Amino acid sequence: MFSHQDSLYMQRALDLATRGLGRVSPNPLVGCVIVQDNRVIGEGWHQQYGGPHAEVHAVASVADPQQLKDSTVYVTLEPCAHHGKTPPCADLLVRQAVKRVVVATLDSNPLVRGLGVARLTQAGMDVSVGLCEKQARHQNRRFFTFIEKQRPYIILKWAQTADRFVAKSTYESKWITHEYARQWVHRWRGEEDAILVGTKTAAHDNPQLNVRYWSGRNPIRVVLDRFLRLPPSLLLFDGSQPTLCYNVLKHEELKHQQRVRVPEADFIQHVVHDLYLRKIQSVIVEGGAATLTSFIQAGLWDEARIFTASKTFGSGIPAPHLSGHLESKQDVRGDELTLLMHHP
């Protein structure tokens, strides 16, 4: 059904789509490649939330619009068929009368699912679905989790010593890993919508939770402070980034933070649901151990990124216990990075 050439062009579209990471949420990542006579004549990706979609950029990049009539369009996600912040991409492809459309995966959004493909098929186009589908769904795992599970995609991250401690008994944890590993973490922060920590991490580490060691968008800061015990002098509350403070006492809009009251029973579940209602598509949970464990016990996680350093503490705060599917292990300049995926 699909040729080797088809796979190469779709792979290029998937590579293009990654350029939107951290910029298009809550929209999905999408890449598009337009080919005529085995030659790429146009390509594009969704670059910014609210901006033109990948197909629009790709069509606009074609030097001679007449070539579109004999072209094949490779797109990583089903073209939209509804009016949102931009017009339907399916209609654009129909107007251009492209010959063939290859789609990696259908869109789970009820406003789109199957409708884009139906629109193209009804217009007489040759439409194929499913090329590199597994890869495309993994690339858009944040989007699909948000749509299908109605919650943000949740990434757990921590650094631990070789003897599996995340901090000393005094809660001191700086610095377990090398500076290069910290750069990775700051890059990850720029790829997600929000970053979350618990009360003890906020109090003892006084983190900024930004991307100062990388270039990118600062995430929304989220802190769990059930009884509002954290002092306003913390860097979390400096006003440099939007900050949500979840608690069980009160709703309150302050100058540098928004306090959000949720029920004490099933606290974590209520926090996650509120983040979903705020259209926060992904969150990276950076600690501490008790907060990470509460997400693990609630079954609310999708992947875990664990740095293990060569140094030891001998005693201290134990690292969370986690079992999942081992996706990869790699060396990051002496620190070991383990990636686990959660498949309940």
Protein backbone atom coordinates (compact mmCIF):
# COMPACT_ATOMS: atom_id res chain seq x y z
CA MET A 1 0.00 0.00 0.00
CA PHE A 2 2.83 2.37 0.88
CA SER A 3 6.16 2.56 -0.94
CA HIS A 4 9.61 3.13 0.48
CA GLN A 5 9.46 6.64 -0.98
CA ASP A 6 6.19 7.25 0.86
CA SER A 7 7.87 6.34 4.14
CA LEU A 8 10.79 8.70 3.49
CA TYR A 9 8.50 11.66 2.79
CA MET A 10 6.35 10.93 5.85
CA GLN A 11 9.48 10.69 7.97
CA ARG A 12 10.45 14.13 6.73
CA ALA A 13 6.98 15.41 7.70
CA LEU A 14 7.39 13.93 11.19
CA ASP A 15 10.79 15.57 11.54
CA LEU A 16 9.28 18.93 10.57
CA ALA A 17 6.44 18.51 13.08
CA THR A 18 8.88 18.31 16.02
CA ARG A 19 9.87 21.94 15.41
CA GLY A 20 6.57 23.02 16.93
CA LEU A 21 7.23 21.33 20.27
CA GLY A 22 6.60 23.78 23.11
CA ARG A 23 4.99 26.32 20.78
CA VAL A 24 1.67 24.96 19.51
CA SER A 25 -0.05 23.48 22.58
CA PRO A 26 -2.93 22.80 23.04
CA ASN A 27 -2.88 22.15 19.30
CA PRO A 28 -1.11 19.02 18.02
CA LEU A 29 2.28 18.88 16.34
CA VAL A 30 1.84 18.59 12.56
CA GLY A 31 4.27 18.43 9.65
CA CYS A 32 3.46 18.44 5.94
CA VAL A 33 5.46 17.63 2.80
CA ILE A 34 4.22 18.12 -0.78
CA VAL A 35 5.79 16.01 -3.54
CA GLN A 36 5.47 16.05 -7.32
CA ASP A 37 7.33 13.65 -9.63
CA ASN A 38 9.42 12.38 -6.69
CA ARG A 39 10.59 15.89 -5.87
CA VAL A 40 9.68 17.90 -2.77
CA ILE A 41 8.02 21.11 -3.94
CA GLY A 42 6.71 22.36 -0.59
CA GLU A 43 6.84 21.71 3.13
CA GLY A 44 5.71 23.24 6.38
CA TRP A 45 4.83 22.66 10.01
CA HIS A 46 2.51 24.11 12.60
CA GLN A 47 4.73 26.79 14.10
CA GLN A 48 2.62 28.67 16.63
CA TYR A 49 -0.70 28.19 18.42
CA GLY A 50 -3.33 30.29 16.66
CA GLY A 51 -1.17 30.54 13.55
CA PRO A 52 -1.47 28.79 10.16
CA HIS A 53 -1.47 25.01 10.18
CA ALA A 54 1.22 22.85 8.57
CA GLU A 55 -0.73 22.38 5.31
CA VAL A 56 -1.13 26.14 4.89
CA HIS A 57 2.61 26.75 5.28
CA ALA A 58 3.41 23.87 2.91
CA VAL A 59 1.03 25.05 0.17
CA ALA A 60 2.30 28.62 0.49
CA SER A 61 5.89 27.40 0.03
CA VAL A 62 5.18 25.88 -3.41
CA ALA A 63 6.81 28.12 -6.01
CA ASP A 64 4.42 27.17 -8.86
CA PRO A 65 0.86 26.56 -7.58
CA GLN A 66 0.02 24.75 -10.83
CA GLN A 67 2.18 21.86 -9.63
CA LEU A 68 -0.23 21.17 -6.76
CA LYS A 69 -2.75 19.50 -9.08
CA ASP A 70 -0.41 16.56 -9.71
CA SER A 71 1.05 16.41 -6.20
CA THR A 72 0.97 14.08 -3.22
CA VAL A 73 0.55 15.64 0.21
CA TYR A 74 2.07 13.84 3.20
CA VAL A 75 0.69 15.04 6.53
CA THR A 76 1.31 13.62 10.01
CA LEU A 77 -2.23 14.21 11.29
CA GLU A 78 -5.62 14.21 9.61
CA PRO A 79 -6.30 17.64 8.06
CA CYS A 80 -8.87 19.57 10.07
CA ALA A 81 -12.38 19.96 8.67
CA HIS A 82 -13.76 22.57 11.04
CA HIS A 83 -13.38 26.29 11.56
CA GLY A 84 -11.26 26.98 14.64
CA LYS A 85 -8.73 29.78 14.90
CA THR A 86 -7.96 29.08 11.22
CA PRO A 87 -10.05 27.78 8.24
CA PRO A 88 -10.28 24.01 7.53
CA CYS A 89 -7.13 22.56 5.96
CA ALA A 90 -9.17 19.85 4.23
CA ASP A 91 -10.96 22.58 2.26
CA LEU A 92 -7.62 24.12 1.31
CA LEU A 93 -6.39 20.82 -0.17
CA VAL A 94 -9.71 20.39 -2.01
CA ARG A 95 -9.41 23.87 -3.52
CA GLN A 96 -5.89 23.11 -4.68
CA ALA A 97 -7.16 19.83 -6.21
CA VAL A 98 -4.16 17.80 -5.06
CA LYS A 99 -4.04 14.30 -6.48
CA ARG A 100 -3.24 12.20 -3.42
CA VAL A 101 -3.12 12.68 0.36
CA VAL A 102 -1.23 10.36 2.73
CA VAL A 103 -2.15 10.75 6.42
CA ALA A 104 -0.15 9.21 9.27
CA THR A 105 -2.99 9.05 11.79
CA LEU A 106 -6.55 10.20 12.33
CA ASP A 107 -7.28 13.04 14.74
CA SER A 108 -9.00 11.93 17.99
CA ASN A 109 -10.67 15.31 18.42
CA PRO A 110 -14.44 14.73 17.96
CA LEU A 111 -14.55 17.93 15.88
CA VAL A 112 -12.20 16.34 13.35
CA ARG A 113 -12.04 12.55 13.61
CA GLY A 114 -12.69 11.09 10.17
CA LEU A 115 -14.30 14.26 8.87
CA GLY A 116 -11.15 15.59 7.23
CA VAL A 117 -10.50 12.32 5.42
CA ALA A 118 -14.18 12.12 4.41
CA ARG A 119 -14.05 15.63 2.97
CA LEU A 120 -11.00 14.76 0.87
CA THR A 121 -12.45 11.44 -0.28
CA GLN A 122 -15.74 13.04 -1.28
CA ALA A 123 -13.77 15.46 -3.44
CA GLY A 124 -12.38 12.50 -5.38
CA MET A 125 -8.87 12.40 -3.94
CA ASP A 126 -6.82 9.28 -3.37
CA VAL A 127 -6.54 9.23 0.43
CA SER A 128 -4.49 6.74 2.48
CA VAL A 129 -4.25 6.58 6.28
CA GLY A 130 -1.86 4.77 8.61
CA LEU A 131 1.67 5.36 7.32
CA CYS A 132 4.02 5.67 10.34
CA GLU A 133 0.91 5.76 12.56
CA LYS A 134 2.61 4.44 15.70
CA GLN A 135 5.40 7.02 15.38
CA ALA A 136 2.91 9.82 14.71
CA ARG A 137 0.79 8.93 17.74
CA HIS A 138 3.89 8.79 19.94
CA GLN A 139 5.01 12.18 18.66
CA ASN A 140 1.61 13.63 19.57
CA ARG A 141 1.24 11.63 22.81
CA ARG A 142 0.55 14.84 24.75
CA PHE A 143 -2.30 15.80 22.42
CA PHE A 144 -3.82 12.30 22.26
CA THR A 145 -3.65 11.87 26.05
CA PHE A 146 -5.33 15.24 26.54
CA ILE A 147 -8.14 14.40 24.06
CA GLU A 148 -8.64 10.72 24.87
CA LYS A 149 -8.01 10.65 28.65
CA GLN A 150 -9.17 14.21 29.35
CA ARG A 151 -6.13 15.07 31.41
CA PRO A 152 -2.65 16.46 30.77
CA TYR A 153 0.19 14.20 29.70
CA ILE A 154 2.25 13.72 32.88
CA ILE A 155 6.03 13.35 32.91
CA LEU A 156 7.80 12.45 36.16
CA LYS A 157 11.40 13.60 36.45
CA TRP A 158 13.97 13.22 39.18
CA ALA A 159 17.68 12.83 39.80
CA GLN A 160 18.97 10.19 42.17
CA THR A 161 22.31 9.05 43.53
CA ALA A 162 23.79 5.66 42.72
CA ASP A 163 22.39 4.42 46.06
CA ARG A 164 18.92 5.78 45.11
CA PHE A 165 18.51 8.90 47.23
CA VAL A 166 17.05 12.12 45.83
CA ALA A 167 18.26 14.36 48.67
CA LYS A 168 20.11 14.30 51.96
CA SER A 169 18.17 14.01 55.22
CA THR A 170 18.26 17.81 55.40
CA TYR A 171 16.44 17.85 52.01
CA GLU A 172 19.55 19.28 50.36
CA SER A 173 19.75 17.97 46.78
CA LYS A 174 21.95 20.43 44.86
CA TRP A 175 23.56 19.18 42.78
CA ILE A 176 23.25 15.44 42.18
CA THR A 177 23.83 15.54 38.41
CA HIS A 178 26.32 17.34 36.19
CA GLU A 179 25.57 20.67 34.53
CA TYR A 180 24.99 19.00 31.15
CA ALA A 181 22.10 16.98 32.61
CA ARG A 182 20.60 20.19 33.99
CA GLN A 183 20.66 21.68 30.48
CA TRP A 184 18.61 18.70 29.30
CA VAL A 185 16.07 19.36 32.04
CA HIS A 186 15.74 23.01 31.05
CA ARG A 187 15.20 22.01 27.42
CA TRP A 188 12.46 19.62 28.58
CA ARG A 189 10.81 22.40 30.59
CA GLY A 190 10.51 24.50 27.45
CA GLU A 191 8.71 21.63 25.70
CA GLU A 192 5.90 21.28 28.26
CA ASP A 193 3.00 23.54 29.26
CA ALA A 194 3.54 23.37 33.02
CA ILE A 195 6.06 22.34 35.67
CA LEU A 196 4.94 21.11 39.10
CA VAL A 197 6.60 20.77 42.50
CA GLY A 198 5.45 20.06 46.03
CA THR A 199 5.69 22.16 49.18
CA LYS A 200 9.00 20.76 50.50
CA THR A 201 10.81 21.18 47.18
CA ALA A 202 9.56 24.75 46.91
CA ALA A 203 10.61 25.55 50.49
CA HIS A 204 14.02 23.84 50.59
CA ASP A 205 15.26 24.37 47.00
CA ASN A 206 13.57 27.73 46.30
CA PRO A 207 13.53 26.84 42.57
CA GLN A 208 12.87 29.27 39.74
CA LEU A 209 11.38 26.56 37.47
CA ASN A 210 12.33 28.33 34.26
CA VAL A 211 14.48 27.59 31.18
CA ARG A 212 17.44 29.83 32.00
CA TYR A 213 19.96 27.17 30.81
CA TRP A 214 18.17 26.83 27.46
CA SER A 215 16.26 28.97 24.97
CA GLY A 216 12.52 28.48 24.92
CA ARG A 217 9.22 29.31 26.53
CA ASN A 218 8.99 29.28 30.31
CA PRO A 219 6.27 26.88 31.50
CA ILE A 220 3.42 27.74 33.84
CA ARG A 221 4.61 27.06 37.39
CA VAL A 222 2.46 24.84 39.59
CA VAL A 223 3.05 24.32 43.29
CA LEU A 224 1.13 22.06 45.67
CA ASP A 225 0.81 23.86 49.01
CA ARG A 226 -2.20 22.31 50.71
CA PHE A 227 -2.24 24.61 53.74
CA LEU A 228 -0.64 27.73 52.19
CA ARG A 229 2.48 27.55 54.31
CA LEU A 230 4.97 28.78 51.70
CA PRO A 231 6.33 32.32 52.19
CA PRO A 232 5.62 34.90 49.46
CA SER A 233 9.35 35.67 49.23
CA LEU A 234 10.04 32.45 47.26
CA LEU A 235 11.22 32.78 43.66
CA LEU A 236 8.11 30.84 42.62
CA PHE A 237 6.06 33.90 43.49
CA ASP A 238 8.26 36.55 41.82
CA GLY A 239 5.77 37.22 39.04
CA SER A 240 8.17 36.29 36.24
CA GLN A 241 5.92 33.39 35.14
CA PRO A 242 2.25 32.53 35.71
CA THR A 243 2.03 30.49 38.92
CA LEU A 244 -0.82 28.29 40.17
CA CYS A 245 -0.85 27.36 43.85
CA TYR A 246 -3.17 24.42 44.66
CA ASN A 247 -4.45 24.23 48.21
CA VAL A 248 -7.42 23.07 50.30
CA LEU A 249 -8.19 26.42 51.95
CA LYS A 250 -9.19 29.12 49.47
CA HIS A 251 -9.40 30.59 45.99
CA GLU A 252 -7.48 33.84 45.74
CA GLU A 253 -6.03 36.03 42.99
CA LEU A 254 -2.78 37.58 44.17
CA LYS A 255 -0.39 39.82 42.29
CA HIS A 256 2.12 37.06 41.56
CA GLN A 257 0.10 33.87 41.86
CA GLN A 258 -3.34 32.35 41.56
CA ARG A 259 -4.44 30.23 44.50
CA VAL A 260 -6.78 27.42 43.51
CA ARG A 261 -8.77 25.54 46.13
CA VAL A 262 -9.50 21.86 45.47
CA PRO A 263 -10.98 19.17 47.75
CA GLU A 264 -8.56 17.46 50.13
CA ALA A 265 -9.90 14.00 49.23
CA ASP A 266 -8.27 12.82 45.98
CA PHE A 267 -6.22 16.01 45.99
CA ILE A 268 -3.89 15.00 43.12
CA GLN A 269 -6.78 13.88 40.90
CA HIS A 270 -8.52 17.24 41.42
CA VAL A 271 -5.33 19.14 40.63
CA VAL A 272 -4.86 17.19 37.40
CA HIS A 273 -8.48 17.75 36.39
CA ASP A 274 -8.22 21.49 37.02
CA LEU A 275 -5.08 21.63 34.85
CA TYR A 276 -7.06 19.88 32.11
CA LEU A 277 -9.87 22.44 32.38
CA ARG A 278 -7.24 25.15 31.95
CA LYS A 279 -6.18 23.48 28.66
CA ILE A 280 -2.77 22.58 30.05
CA GLN A 281 -1.83 19.68 27.79
CA SER A 282 1.33 18.49 29.53
CA VAL A 283 3.02 18.83 32.91
CA ILE A 284 6.46 17.79 34.11
CA VAL A 285 6.54 16.85 37.80
CA GLU A 286 9.97 17.60 39.28
CA GLY A 287 9.54 16.62 42.91
CA GLY A 288 9.97 16.10 45.66
CA ALA A 289 9.84 12.43 46.46
CA ALA A 290 6.48 12.60 48.27
CA THR A 291 4.84 14.52 45.42
CA LEU A 292 6.23 12.13 42.80
CA THR A 293 5.04 9.16 44.86
CA SER A 294 1.53 10.62 45.14
CA PHE A 295 1.29 10.76 41.34
CA ILE A 296 2.64 7.21 41.05
CA GLN A 297 0.18 5.86 43.63
CA ALA A 298 -2.70 7.58 41.82
CA GLY A 299 -1.60 5.99 38.55
CA LEU A 300 -1.32 9.47 37.07
CA TRP A 301 1.82 9.38 34.98
CA ASP A 302 2.75 8.61 31.39
CA GLU A 303 6.53 8.65 31.31
CA ALA A 304 9.38 8.99 33.77
CA ARG A 305 12.80 10.48 33.12
CA ILE A 306 15.30 9.47 35.79
CA PHE A 307 18.90 10.65 36.03
CA THR A 308 21.18 8.42 38.10
CA ALA A 309 24.50 9.93 39.14
CA SER A 310 27.67 8.08 40.15
CA LYS A 311 27.89 9.80 43.55
CA THR A 312 26.36 8.33 46.72
CA PHE A 313 24.78 9.86 49.84
CA GLY A 314 24.72 6.79 52.12
CA SER A 315 21.43 7.96 53.64
CA GLY A 316 18.73 10.52 52.98
CA ILE A 317 15.38 10.85 51.20
CA PRO A 318 14.78 7.66 49.16
CA ALA A 319 13.93 7.94 45.48
CA PRO A 320 10.37 6.99 44.46
CA HIS A 321 9.76 3.37 43.55
CA LEU A 322 8.49 3.01 40.02
CA SER A 323 7.94 0.16 37.58
CA GLY A 324 7.16 0.71 33.93
CA HIS A 325 8.20 -0.26 30.43
CA LEU A 326 11.88 0.49 29.89
CA GLU A 327 12.05 2.66 26.79
CA SER A 328 15.74 3.55 26.83
CA LYS A 329 18.91 4.06 28.83
CA GLN A 330 21.71 6.37 27.81
CA ASP A 331 24.83 7.99 29.18
CA VAL A 332 24.71 11.77 29.61
CA ARG A 333 28.33 12.65 30.35
CA GLY A 334 28.62 10.25 33.25
CA ASP A 335 25.00 10.41 34.43
CA GLU A 336 22.64 7.64 33.33
CA LEU A 337 19.28 8.73 31.90
CA THR A 338 16.53 6.12 32.12
CA LEU A 339 13.24 6.60 30.27
CA LEU A 340 10.22 4.58 31.46
CA MET A 341 6.77 4.55 29.86
CA HIS A 342 3.58 3.77 31.74
CA HIS A 343 1.31 1.23 30.07
CA PRO A 344 -1.50 0.51 32.56
